[in-house]
């Protein structure tokens, strides 16, 4: 994972810990949002709003729809921030 993706991963982990009281050790790149972390669609919207503010990129719901794992979240935000 490059430095930018590592930074985004750290931000994602911090937001998930703050919003959903998850254990930081449970938030690993291969963790599935729904199955492993019990994040439903409404929780995902809350996470998305916080990430948009933190990382300062705009993401549409359709871009976020195919996200399944923490690594997917990191990849989408890294790609969008590279274009910004």
C-alpha atoms as a PDB file:
ATOM      1  CA  UNK A   1       0.000   0.000   0.000  1.00  0.00           C
ATOM      2  CA  UNK A   2       1.474   3.345  -1.006  1.00  0.00           C
ATOM      3  CA  UNK A   3       1.663   6.300   1.376  1.00  0.00           C
ATOM      4  CA  UNK A   4      -1.485   7.967   0.050  1.00  0.00           C
ATOM      5  CA  UNK A   5      -3.535   4.788   0.338  1.00  0.00           C
ATOM      6  CA  UNK A   6      -2.095   4.161   3.809  1.00  0.00           C
ATOM      7  CA  UNK A   7      -3.219   7.633   4.882  1.00  0.00           C
ATOM      8  CA  UNK A   8      -6.714   7.059   3.465  1.00  0.00           C
ATOM      9  CA  UNK A   9      -6.853   3.657   5.185  1.00  0.00           C
ATOM     10  CA  UNK A  10      -5.956   5.314   8.500  1.00  0.00           C
ATOM     11  CA  UNK A  11      -8.703   7.910   8.002  1.00  0.00           C
ATOM     12  CA  UNK A  12     -11.239   5.212   7.117  1.00  0.00           C
ATOM     13  CA  UNK A  13     -10.258   3.197  10.196  1.00  0.00           C
ATOM     14  CA  UNK A  14     -10.499   6.245  12.478  1.00  0.00           C
ATOM     15  CA  UNK A  15     -13.943   7.151  11.124  1.00  0.00           C
ATOM     16  CA  UNK A  16     -15.221   3.585  11.566  1.00  0.00           C
ATOM     17  CA  UNK A  17     -13.898   3.452  15.124  1.00  0.00           C
ATOM     18  CA  UNK A  18     -15.511   6.822  15.936  1.00  0.00           C
ATOM     19  CA  UNK A  19     -18.854   6.248  14.201  1.00  0.00           C
ATOM     20  CA  UNK A  20     -19.487   2.596  14.918  1.00  0.00           C
ATOM     21  CA  UNK A  21     -17.279   1.831  17.929  1.00  0.00           C
ATOM     22  CA  UNK A  22     -15.453  -0.889  16.019  1.00  0.00           C
ATOM     23  CA  UNK A  23     -12.153  -2.283  17.193  1.00  0.00           C
ATOM     24  CA  UNK A  24      -9.233  -0.876  15.157  1.00  0.00           C
ATOM     25  CA  UNK A  25      -7.776  -4.389  14.873  1.00  0.00           C
ATOM     26  CA  UNK A  26     -10.960  -5.542  13.068  1.00  0.00           C
ATOM     27  CA  UNK A  27     -10.552  -2.914  10.352  1.00  0.00           C
ATOM     28  CA  UNK A  28      -8.193  -4.540   7.890  1.00  0.00           C
ATOM     29  CA  UNK A  29      -8.097  -4.075   4.094  1.00  0.00           C
ATOM     30  CA  UNK A  30      -9.832  -7.390   3.384  1.00  0.00           C
ATOM     31  CA  UNK A  31     -12.646  -6.818   5.931  1.00  0.00           C
ATOM     32  CA  UNK A  32     -16.053  -6.806   4.238  1.00  0.00           C
ATOM     33  CA  UNK A  33     -18.212  -3.871   5.271  1.00  0.00           C
ATOM     34  CA  UNK A  34     -21.474  -5.744   5.607  1.00  0.00           C
ATOM     35  CA  UNK A  35     -20.467  -9.274   6.530  1.00  0.00           C
ATOM     36  CA  UNK A  36     -17.424  -8.632   8.737  1.00  0.00           C
ATOM     37  CA  UNK A  37     -18.083  -5.175  10.176  1.00  0.00           C
ATOM     38  CA  UNK A  38     -21.902  -5.196  10.226  1.00  0.00           C
ATOM     39  CA  UNK A  39     -22.141  -1.894   8.338  1.00  0.00           C
ATOM     40  CA  UNK A  40     -25.516  -1.616   6.630  1.00  0.00           C
ATOM     41  CA  UNK A  41     -26.457   0.769   3.832  1.00  0.00           C
ATOM     42  CA  UNK A  42     -27.478   3.571   6.198  1.00  0.00           C
ATOM     43  CA  UNK A  43     -24.210   3.206   8.121  1.00  0.00           C
ATOM     44  CA  UNK A  44     -22.348   3.270   4.805  1.00  0.00           C
ATOM     45  CA  UNK A  45     -23.978   6.610   3.940  1.00  0.00           C
ATOM     46  CA  UNK A  46     -22.846   8.048   7.303  1.00  0.00           C
ATOM     47  CA  UNK A  47     -19.328   6.766   6.652  1.00  0.00           C
ATOM     48  CA  UNK A  48     -19.400   8.215   3.144  1.00  0.00           C
ATOM     49  CA  UNK A  49     -20.432  11.666   4.384  1.00  0.00           C
ATOM     50  CA  UNK A  50     -17.610  11.706   6.945  1.00  0.00           C
ATOM     51  CA  UNK A  51     -15.057  10.478   4.417  1.00  0.00           C
ATOM     52  CA  UNK A  52     -16.083  13.121   1.882  1.00  0.00           C
ATOM     53  CA  UNK A  53     -15.439  15.807   4.512  1.00  0.00           C
ATOM     54  CA  UNK A  54     -12.194  14.268   5.752  1.00  0.00           C
ATOM     55  CA  UNK A  55     -10.625  13.441   2.404  1.00  0.00           C
ATOM     56  CA  UNK A  56     -12.234  16.390   0.610  1.00  0.00           C
ATOM     57  CA  UNK A  57     -13.361  14.596  -2.538  1.00  0.00           C
ATOM     58  CA  UNK A  58     -16.773  14.266  -4.081  1.00  0.00           C
ATOM     59  CA  UNK A  59     -18.120  10.772  -4.589  1.00  0.00           C
ATOM     60  CA  UNK A  60     -21.448   9.748  -6.016  1.00  0.00           C
ATOM     61  CA  UNK A  61     -23.563   6.964  -4.558  1.00  0.00           C
ATOM     62  CA  UNK A  62     -23.106   5.006  -7.804  1.00  0.00           C
ATOM     63  CA  UNK A  63     -19.308   5.138  -7.393  1.00  0.00           C
ATOM     64  CA  UNK A  64     -19.675   3.829  -3.865  1.00  0.00           C
ATOM     65  CA  UNK A  65     -22.223   1.132  -4.738  1.00  0.00           C
ATOM     66  CA  UNK A  66     -19.651  -1.456  -5.803  1.00  0.00           C
ATOM     67  CA  UNK A  67     -17.586  -1.025  -2.648  1.00  0.00           C
ATOM     68  CA  UNK A  68     -17.534  -4.227  -0.575  1.00  0.00           C
ATOM     69  CA  UNK A  69     -14.329  -4.170   1.489  1.00  0.00           C
ATOM     70  CA  UNK A  70     -12.194  -1.651   3.331  1.00  0.00           C
ATOM     71  CA  UNK A  71      -9.654  -1.927   0.491  1.00  0.00           C
ATOM     72  CA  UNK A  72     -12.393  -1.011  -2.005  1.00  0.00           C
ATOM     73  CA  UNK A  73     -13.146   2.134   0.025  1.00  0.00           C
ATOM     74  CA  UNK A  74      -9.458   3.064   0.083  1.00  0.00           C
ATOM     75  CA  UNK A  75      -9.064   2.424  -3.653  1.00  0.00           C
ATOM     76  CA  UNK A  76     -12.111   4.510  -4.639  1.00  0.00           C
ATOM     77  CA  UNK A  77     -11.054   7.472  -2.509  1.00  0.00           C
ATOM     78  CA  UNK A  78      -7.414   7.240  -3.660  1.00  0.00           C
ATOM     79  CA  UNK A  79      -8.556   7.255  -7.285  1.00  0.00           C
ATOM     80  CA  UNK A  80     -10.865  10.230  -6.738  1.00  0.00           C
ATOM     81  CA  UNK A  81      -8.301  12.238  -4.791  1.00  0.00           C
ATOM     82  CA  UNK A  82      -5.737  11.631  -7.557  1.00  0.00           C
ATOM     83  CA  UNK A  83      -8.182  13.204 -10.034  1.00  0.00           C
ATOM     84  CA  UNK A  84      -8.981  16.160  -7.779  1.00  0.00           C
END
